[in-house]
Amino acid sequence: MNIEIKLKELLKKINMEQKELAELTGLSSRTISELVNNKTERIPKTALVKIAIALNVNDIRDLIDFAKDK
C-alpha cells in the first residue's frame, strides 16, 4: 500500500496550474511537480499545510489517500 497525493486531480478540478500553486504557497515549482506526479518519498507537513490553505482543503483525505500496490 502506498500514499497517493491527489494534487493533480485537485488542480485539474479547480483549473489551476502548478506554477500558480507554487506562487500561492511559496513552494518551489519542483516541489509542486514532485507532489503532483507522486515522485516524492517524504511529504513535508509544512508543504501540506500551505497547499491545504491555498486550495481551501479542510479534509486531508481530499489531498492524500492510500493506494493499493499495482
PDB file of N, CA and C in Angstrom:
ATOM      1  N   MET A   1       0.847  -1.172   0.000  1.00  0.00           N
ATOM      2  CA  MET A   1       0.000   0.000   0.000  1.00  0.00           C
ATOM      3  C   MET A   1       0.895   1.239   0.000  1.00  0.00           C
ATOM      4  N   ASN A   2       0.520   2.222  -0.749  1.00  0.00           N
ATOM      5  CA  ASN A   2       1.257   3.475  -0.868  1.00  0.00           C
ATOM      6  C   ASN A   2       0.355   4.652  -0.530  1.00  0.00           C
ATOM      7  N   ILE A   3       0.979   5.766  -0.255  1.00  0.00           N
ATOM      8  CA  ILE A   3       0.226   7.006  -0.083  1.00  0.00           C
ATOM      9  C   ILE A   3       0.186   7.706  -1.437  1.00  0.00           C
ATOM     10  N   GLU A   4      -1.006   8.058  -1.853  1.00  0.00           N
ATOM     11  CA  GLU A   4      -1.198   8.755  -3.128  1.00  0.00           C
ATOM     12  C   GLU A   4      -1.541  10.214  -2.846  1.00  0.00           C
ATOM     13  N   ILE A   5      -0.825  11.087  -3.505  1.00  0.00           N
ATOM     14  CA  ILE A   5      -1.108  12.514  -3.405  1.00  0.00           C
ATOM     15  C   ILE A   5      -2.052  12.858  -4.552  1.00  0.00           C
ATOM     16  N   LYS A   6      -3.197  13.417  -4.230  1.00  0.00           N
ATOM     17  CA  LYS A   6      -4.239  13.678  -5.227  1.00  0.00           C
ATOM     18  C   LYS A   6      -4.205  15.117  -5.730  1.00  0.00           C
ATOM     19  N   LEU A   7      -3.021  15.706  -5.711  1.00  0.00           N
ATOM     20  CA  LEU A   7      -2.878  17.100  -6.094  1.00  0.00           C
ATOM     21  C   LEU A   7      -3.181  17.334  -7.570  1.00  0.00           C
ATOM     22  N   LYS A   8      -2.796  16.413  -8.426  1.00  0.00           N
ATOM     23  CA  LYS A   8      -3.049  16.559  -9.863  1.00  0.00           C
ATOM     24  C   LYS A   8      -4.554  16.693 -10.120  1.00  0.00           C
ATOM     25  N   GLU A   9      -5.343  15.837  -9.473  1.00  0.00           N
ATOM     26  CA  GLU A   9      -6.787  15.859  -9.648  1.00  0.00           C
ATOM     27  C   GLU A   9      -7.395  17.147  -9.091  1.00  0.00           C
ATOM     28  N   LEU A  10      -6.898  17.577  -7.936  1.00  0.00           N
ATOM     29  CA  LEU A  10      -7.410  18.808  -7.332  1.00  0.00           C
ATOM     30  C   LEU A  10      -7.147  20.018  -8.220  1.00  0.00           C
ATOM     31  N   LEU A  11      -5.924  20.108  -8.738  1.00  0.00           N
ATOM     32  CA  LEU A  11      -5.579  21.246  -9.603  1.00  0.00           C
ATOM     33  C   LEU A  11      -6.429  21.242 -10.872  1.00  0.00           C
ATOM     34  N   LYS A  12      -6.617  20.068 -11.434  1.00  0.00           N
ATOM     35  CA  LYS A  12      -7.437  19.967 -12.648  1.00  0.00           C
ATOM     36  C   LYS A  12      -8.883  20.388 -12.350  1.00  0.00           C
ATOM     37  N   LYS A  13      -9.399  19.944 -11.209  1.00  0.00           N
ATOM     38  CA  LYS A  13     -10.777  20.239 -10.819  1.00  0.00           C
ATOM     39  C   LYS A  13     -11.027  21.741 -10.691  1.00  0.00           C
ATOM     40  N   ILE A  14     -10.043  22.469 -10.163  1.00  0.00           N
ATOM     41  CA  ILE A  14     -10.226  23.913  -9.980  1.00  0.00           C
ATOM     42  C   ILE A  14      -9.558  24.734 -11.079  1.00  0.00           C
ATOM     43  N   ASN A  15      -9.041  24.038 -12.097  1.00  0.00           N
ATOM     44  CA  ASN A  15      -8.428  24.691 -13.253  1.00  0.00           C
ATOM     45  C   ASN A  15      -7.267  25.600 -12.842  1.00  0.00           C
ATOM     46  N   MET A  16      -6.364  25.048 -12.042  1.00  0.00           N
ATOM     47  CA  MET A  16      -5.185  25.794 -11.599  1.00  0.00           C
ATOM     48  C   MET A  16      -3.923  25.087 -12.085  1.00  0.00           C
ATOM     49  N   GLU A  17      -2.955  25.862 -12.507  1.00  0.00           N
ATOM     50  CA  GLU A  17      -1.695  25.301 -12.952  1.00  0.00           C
ATOM     51  C   GLU A  17      -0.717  25.181 -11.793  1.00  0.00           C
ATOM     52  N   GLN A  18       0.231  24.291 -11.949  1.00  0.00           N
ATOM     53  CA  GLN A  18       1.235  24.057 -10.914  1.00  0.00           C
ATOM     54  C   GLN A  18       1.989  25.334 -10.563  1.00  0.00           C
ATOM     55  N   LYS A  19       2.305  26.117 -11.569  1.00  0.00           N
ATOM     56  CA  LYS A  19       3.048  27.358 -11.354  1.00  0.00           C
ATOM     57  C   LYS A  19       2.270  28.311 -10.443  1.00  0.00           C
ATOM     58  N   GLU A  20       0.970  28.394 -10.653  1.00  0.00           N
ATOM     59  CA  GLU A  20       0.133  29.267  -9.835  1.00  0.00           C
ATOM     60  C   GLU A  20       0.108  28.780  -8.382  1.00  0.00           C
ATOM     61  N   LEU A  21       0.024  27.464  -8.194  1.00  0.00           N
ATOM     62  CA  LEU A  21       0.036  26.923  -6.835  1.00  0.00           C
ATOM     63  C   LEU A  21       1.378  27.198  -6.164  1.00  0.00           C
ATOM     64  N   ALA A  22       2.455  27.084  -6.916  1.00  0.00           N
ATOM     65  CA  ALA A  22       3.786  27.385  -6.369  1.00  0.00           C
ATOM     66  C   ALA A  22       3.845  28.835  -5.891  1.00  0.00           C
ATOM     67  N   GLU A  23       3.300  29.729  -6.680  1.00  0.00           N
ATOM     68  CA  GLU A  23       3.298  31.149  -6.310  1.00  0.00           C
ATOM     69  C   GLU A  23       2.433  31.405  -5.071  1.00  0.00           C
ATOM     70  N   LEU A  24       1.276  30.740  -4.994  1.00  0.00           N
ATOM     71  CA  LEU A  24       0.372  30.924  -3.855  1.00  0.00           C
ATOM     72  C   LEU A  24       0.950  30.383  -2.551  1.00  0.00           C
ATOM     73  N   THR A  25       1.707  29.292  -2.652  1.00  0.00           N
ATOM     74  CA  THR A  25       2.206  28.619  -1.455  1.00  0.00           C
ATOM     75  C   THR A  25       3.609  29.036  -1.062  1.00  0.00           C
ATOM     76  N   GLY A  26       4.368  29.573  -2.019  1.00  0.00           N
ATOM     77  CA  GLY A  26       5.766  29.878  -1.749  1.00  0.00           C
ATOM     78  C   GLY A  26       6.656  28.652  -1.875  1.00  0.00           C
ATOM     79  N   LEU A  27       6.077  27.538  -2.315  1.00  0.00           N
ATOM     80  CA  LEU A  27       6.856  26.317  -2.548  1.00  0.00           C
ATOM     81  C   LEU A  27       7.480  26.387  -3.938  1.00  0.00           C
ATOM     82  N   SER A  28       8.558  25.682  -4.126  1.00  0.00           N
ATOM     83  CA  SER A  28       9.213  25.702  -5.431  1.00  0.00           C
ATOM     84  C   SER A  28       8.376  24.942  -6.461  1.00  0.00           C
ATOM     85  N   SER A  29       8.558  25.301  -7.707  1.00  0.00           N
ATOM     86  CA  SER A  29       7.869  24.596  -8.791  1.00  0.00           C
ATOM     87  C   SER A  29       8.265  23.124  -8.800  1.00  0.00           C
ATOM     88  N   ARG A  30       9.513  22.850  -8.464  1.00  0.00           N
ATOM     89  CA  ARG A  30       9.992  21.468  -8.416  1.00  0.00           C
ATOM     90  C   ARG A  30       9.242  20.680  -7.341  1.00  0.00           C
ATOM     91  N   THR A  31       9.073  21.263  -6.167  1.00  0.00           N
ATOM     92  CA  THR A  31       8.353  20.587  -5.085  1.00  0.00           C
ATOM     93  C   THR A  31       6.927  20.283  -5.516  1.00  0.00           C
ATOM     94  N   ILE A  32       6.259  21.267  -6.091  1.00  0.00           N
ATOM     95  CA  ILE A  32       4.879  21.072  -6.551  1.00  0.00           C
ATOM     96  C   ILE A  32       4.828  19.973  -7.610  1.00  0.00           C
ATOM     97  N   SER A  33       5.740  20.001  -8.554  1.00  0.00           N
ATOM     98  CA  SER A  33       5.778  18.998  -9.611  1.00  0.00           C
ATOM     99  C   SER A  33       5.978  17.592  -9.042  1.00  0.00           C
ATOM    100  N   GLU A  34       6.893  17.452  -8.093  1.00  0.00           N
ATOM    101  CA  GLU A  34       7.139  16.143  -7.483  1.00  0.00           C
ATOM    102  C   GLU A  34       5.905  15.644  -6.740  1.00  0.00           C
ATOM    103  N   LEU A  35       5.194  16.533  -6.072  1.00  0.00           N
ATOM    104  CA  LEU A  35       3.978  16.147  -5.365  1.00  0.00           C
ATOM    105  C   LEU A  35       2.867  15.781  -6.353  1.00  0.00           C
ATOM    106  N   VAL A  36       2.697  16.582  -7.390  1.00  0.00           N
ATOM    107  CA  VAL A  36       1.668  16.324  -8.403  1.00  0.00           C
ATOM    108  C   VAL A  36       1.884  14.969  -9.062  1.00  0.00           C
ATOM    109  N   ASN A  37       3.143  14.629  -9.313  1.00  0.00           N
ATOM    110  CA  ASN A  37       3.465  13.389 -10.012  1.00  0.00           C
ATOM    111  C   ASN A  37       3.793  12.224  -9.082  1.00  0.00           C
ATOM    112  N   ASN A  38       3.525  12.410  -7.784  1.00  0.00           N
ATOM    113  CA  ASN A  38       3.778  11.364  -6.791  1.00  0.00           C
ATOM    114  C   ASN A  38       5.205  10.832  -6.886  1.00  0.00           C
ATOM    115  N   LYS A  39       6.168  11.722  -7.029  1.00  0.00           N
ATOM    116  CA  LYS A  39       7.571  11.343  -7.166  1.00  0.00           C
ATOM    117  C   LYS A  39       8.385  11.613  -5.905  1.00  0.00           C
ATOM    118  N   THR A  40       7.724  11.880  -4.805  1.00  0.00           N
ATOM    119  CA  THR A  40       8.438  12.183  -3.575  1.00  0.00           C
ATOM    120  C   THR A  40       8.211  11.089  -2.550  1.00  0.00           C
ATOM    121  N   GLU A  41       9.241  10.755  -1.811  1.00  0.00           N
ATOM    122  CA  GLU A  41       9.143   9.739  -0.767  1.00  0.00           C
ATOM    123  C   GLU A  41       8.695  10.345   0.557  1.00  0.00           C
ATOM    124  N   ARG A  42       9.044  11.585   0.775  1.00  0.00           N
ATOM    125  CA  ARG A  42       8.693  12.277   2.013  1.00  0.00           C
ATOM    126  C   ARG A  42       7.882  13.515   1.686  1.00  0.00           C
ATOM    127  N   ILE A  43       6.798  13.661   2.405  1.00  0.00           N
ATOM    128  CA  ILE A  43       5.916  14.800   2.179  1.00  0.00           C
ATOM    129  C   ILE A  43       6.047  15.733   3.385  1.00  0.00           C
ATOM    130  N   PRO A  44       6.667  16.874   3.205  1.00  0.00           N
ATOM    131  CA  PRO A  44       6.810  17.806   4.328  1.00  0.00           C
ATOM    132  C   PRO A  44       5.455  18.294   4.829  1.00  0.00           C
ATOM    133  N   LYS A  45       5.261  18.244   6.142  1.00  0.00           N
ATOM    134  CA  LYS A  45       3.998  18.711   6.718  1.00  0.00           C
ATOM    135  C   LYS A  45       3.742  20.169   6.377  1.00  0.00           C
ATOM    136  N   THR A  46       4.800  20.959   6.369  1.00  0.00           N
ATOM    137  CA  THR A  46       4.617  22.382   6.060  1.00  0.00           C
ATOM    138  C   THR A  46       4.090  22.567   4.642  1.00  0.00           C
ATOM    139  N   ALA A  47       4.540  21.728   3.712  1.00  0.00           N
ATOM    140  CA  ALA A  47       4.057  21.814   2.332  1.00  0.00           C
ATOM    141  C   ALA A  47       2.579  21.453   2.269  1.00  0.00           C
ATOM    142  N   LEU A  48       2.186  20.401   2.992  1.00  0.00           N
ATOM    143  CA  LEU A  48       0.774  20.011   3.009  1.00  0.00           C
ATOM    144  C   LEU A  48      -0.104  21.119   3.567  1.00  0.00           C
ATOM    145  N   VAL A  49       0.361  21.756   4.624  1.00  0.00           N
ATOM    146  CA  VAL A  49      -0.412  22.843   5.236  1.00  0.00           C
ATOM    147  C   VAL A  49      -0.555  24.009   4.265  1.00  0.00           C
ATOM    148  N   LYS A  50       0.537  24.400   3.624  1.00  0.00           N
ATOM    149  CA  LYS A  50       0.489  25.517   2.671  1.00  0.00           C
ATOM    150  C   LYS A  50      -0.449  25.213   1.501  1.00  0.00           C
ATOM    151  N   ILE A  51      -0.395  23.982   1.007  1.00  0.00           N
ATOM    152  CA  ILE A  51      -1.256  23.587  -0.104  1.00  0.00           C
ATOM    153  C   ILE A  51      -2.711  23.554   0.341  1.00  0.00           C
ATOM    154  N   ALA A  52      -2.961  22.996   1.516  1.00  0.00           N
ATOM    155  CA  ALA A  52      -4.327  22.930   2.036  1.00  0.00           C
ATOM    156  C   ALA A  52      -4.926  24.322   2.191  1.00  0.00           C
ATOM    157  N   ILE A  53      -4.131  25.257   2.692  1.00  0.00           N
ATOM    158  CA  ILE A  53      -4.612  26.635   2.847  1.00  0.00           C
ATOM    159  C   ILE A  53      -4.887  27.265   1.486  1.00  0.00           C
ATOM    160  N   ALA A  54      -3.957  27.101   0.554  1.00  0.00           N
ATOM    161  CA  ALA A  54      -4.101  27.707  -0.770  1.00  0.00           C
ATOM    162  C   ALA A  54      -5.299  27.153  -1.528  1.00  0.00           C
ATOM    163  N   LEU A  55      -5.586  25.862  -1.342  1.00  0.00           N
ATOM    164  CA  LEU A  55      -6.680  25.228  -2.076  1.00  0.00           C
ATOM    165  C   LEU A  55      -7.961  25.106  -1.245  1.00  0.00           C
ATOM    166  N   ASN A  56      -7.921  25.685  -0.045  1.00  0.00           N
ATOM    167  CA  ASN A  56      -9.080  25.650   0.851  1.00  0.00           C
ATOM    168  C   ASN A  56      -9.536  24.218   1.130  1.00  0.00           C
ATOM    169  N   VAL A  57      -8.568  23.362   1.429  1.00  0.00           N
ATOM    170  CA  VAL A  57      -8.841  21.964   1.752  1.00  0.00           C
ATOM    171  C   VAL A  57      -9.028  21.845   3.258  1.00  0.00           C
ATOM    172  N   ASN A  58     -10.169  21.335   3.670  1.00  0.00           N
ATOM    173  CA  ASN A  58     -10.459  21.169   5.092  1.00  0.00           C
ATOM    174  C   ASN A  58     -10.294  19.733   5.575  1.00  0.00           C
ATOM    175  N   ASP A  59     -10.268  18.796   4.654  1.00  0.00           N
ATOM    176  CA  ASP A  59     -10.141  17.380   4.987  1.00  0.00           C
ATOM    177  C   ASP A  59      -8.914  16.833   4.263  1.00  0.00           C
ATOM    178  N   ILE A  60      -7.944  16.357   5.014  1.00  0.00           N
ATOM    179  CA  ILE A  60      -6.681  15.883   4.433  1.00  0.00           C
ATOM    180  C   ILE A  60      -6.920  14.765   3.424  1.00  0.00           C
ATOM    181  N   ARG A  61      -8.025  14.048   3.563  1.00  0.00           N
ATOM    182  CA  ARG A  61      -8.325  12.971   2.617  1.00  0.00           C
ATOM    183  C   ARG A  61      -8.626  13.494   1.222  1.00  0.00           C
ATOM    184  N   ASP A  62      -8.905  14.791   1.111  1.00  0.00           N
ATOM    185  CA  ASP A  62      -9.076  15.394  -0.211  1.00  0.00           C
ATOM    186  C   ASP A  62      -7.733  15.582  -0.908  1.00  0.00           C
ATOM    187  N   LEU A  63      -6.673  15.534  -0.141  1.00  0.00           N
ATOM    188  CA  LEU A  63      -5.329  15.787  -0.659  1.00  0.00           C
ATOM    189  C   LEU A  63      -4.480  14.519  -0.757  1.00  0.00           C
ATOM    190  N   ILE A  64      -4.619  13.624   0.204  1.00  0.00           N
ATOM    191  CA  ILE A  64      -3.854  12.382   0.168  1.00  0.00           C
ATOM    192  C   ILE A  64      -4.766  11.206   0.465  1.00  0.00           C
ATOM    193  N   ASP A  65      -4.370  10.031  -0.009  1.00  0.00           N
ATOM    194  CA  ASP A  65      -5.159   8.830   0.179  1.00  0.00           C
ATOM    195  C   ASP A  65      -4.225   7.620   0.117  1.00  0.00           C
ATOM    196  N   PHE A  66      -4.733   6.482   0.516  1.00  0.00           N
ATOM    197  CA  PHE A  66      -3.977   5.249   0.362  1.00  0.00           C
ATOM    198  C   PHE A  66      -4.290   4.646  -1.007  1.00  0.00           C
ATOM    199  N   ALA A  67      -3.262   4.121  -1.640  1.00  0.00           N
ATOM    200  CA  ALA A  67      -3.436   3.447  -2.929  1.00  0.00           C
ATOM    201  C   ALA A  67      -2.832   2.050  -2.820  1.00  0.00           C
ATOM    202  N   LYS A  68      -3.550   1.071  -3.313  1.00  0.00           N
ATOM    203  CA  LYS A  68      -3.037  -0.288  -3.277  1.00  0.00           C
ATOM    204  C   LYS A  68      -1.951  -0.443  -4.333  1.00  0.00           C
ATOM    205  N   ASP A  69      -0.940  -1.234  -4.007  1.00  0.00           N
ATOM    206  CA  ASP A  69       0.132  -1.511  -4.961  1.00  0.00           C
ATOM    207  C   ASP A  69      -0.437  -2.225  -6.184  1.00  0.00           C
ATOM    208  N   LYS A  70       0.121  -1.862  -7.314  1.00  0.00           N
ATOM    209  CA  LYS A  70      -0.345  -2.492  -8.569  1.00  0.00           C
ATOM    210  C   LYS A  70       0.498  -3.686  -8.901  1.00  0.00           C
TER     211      LYS A  70
END
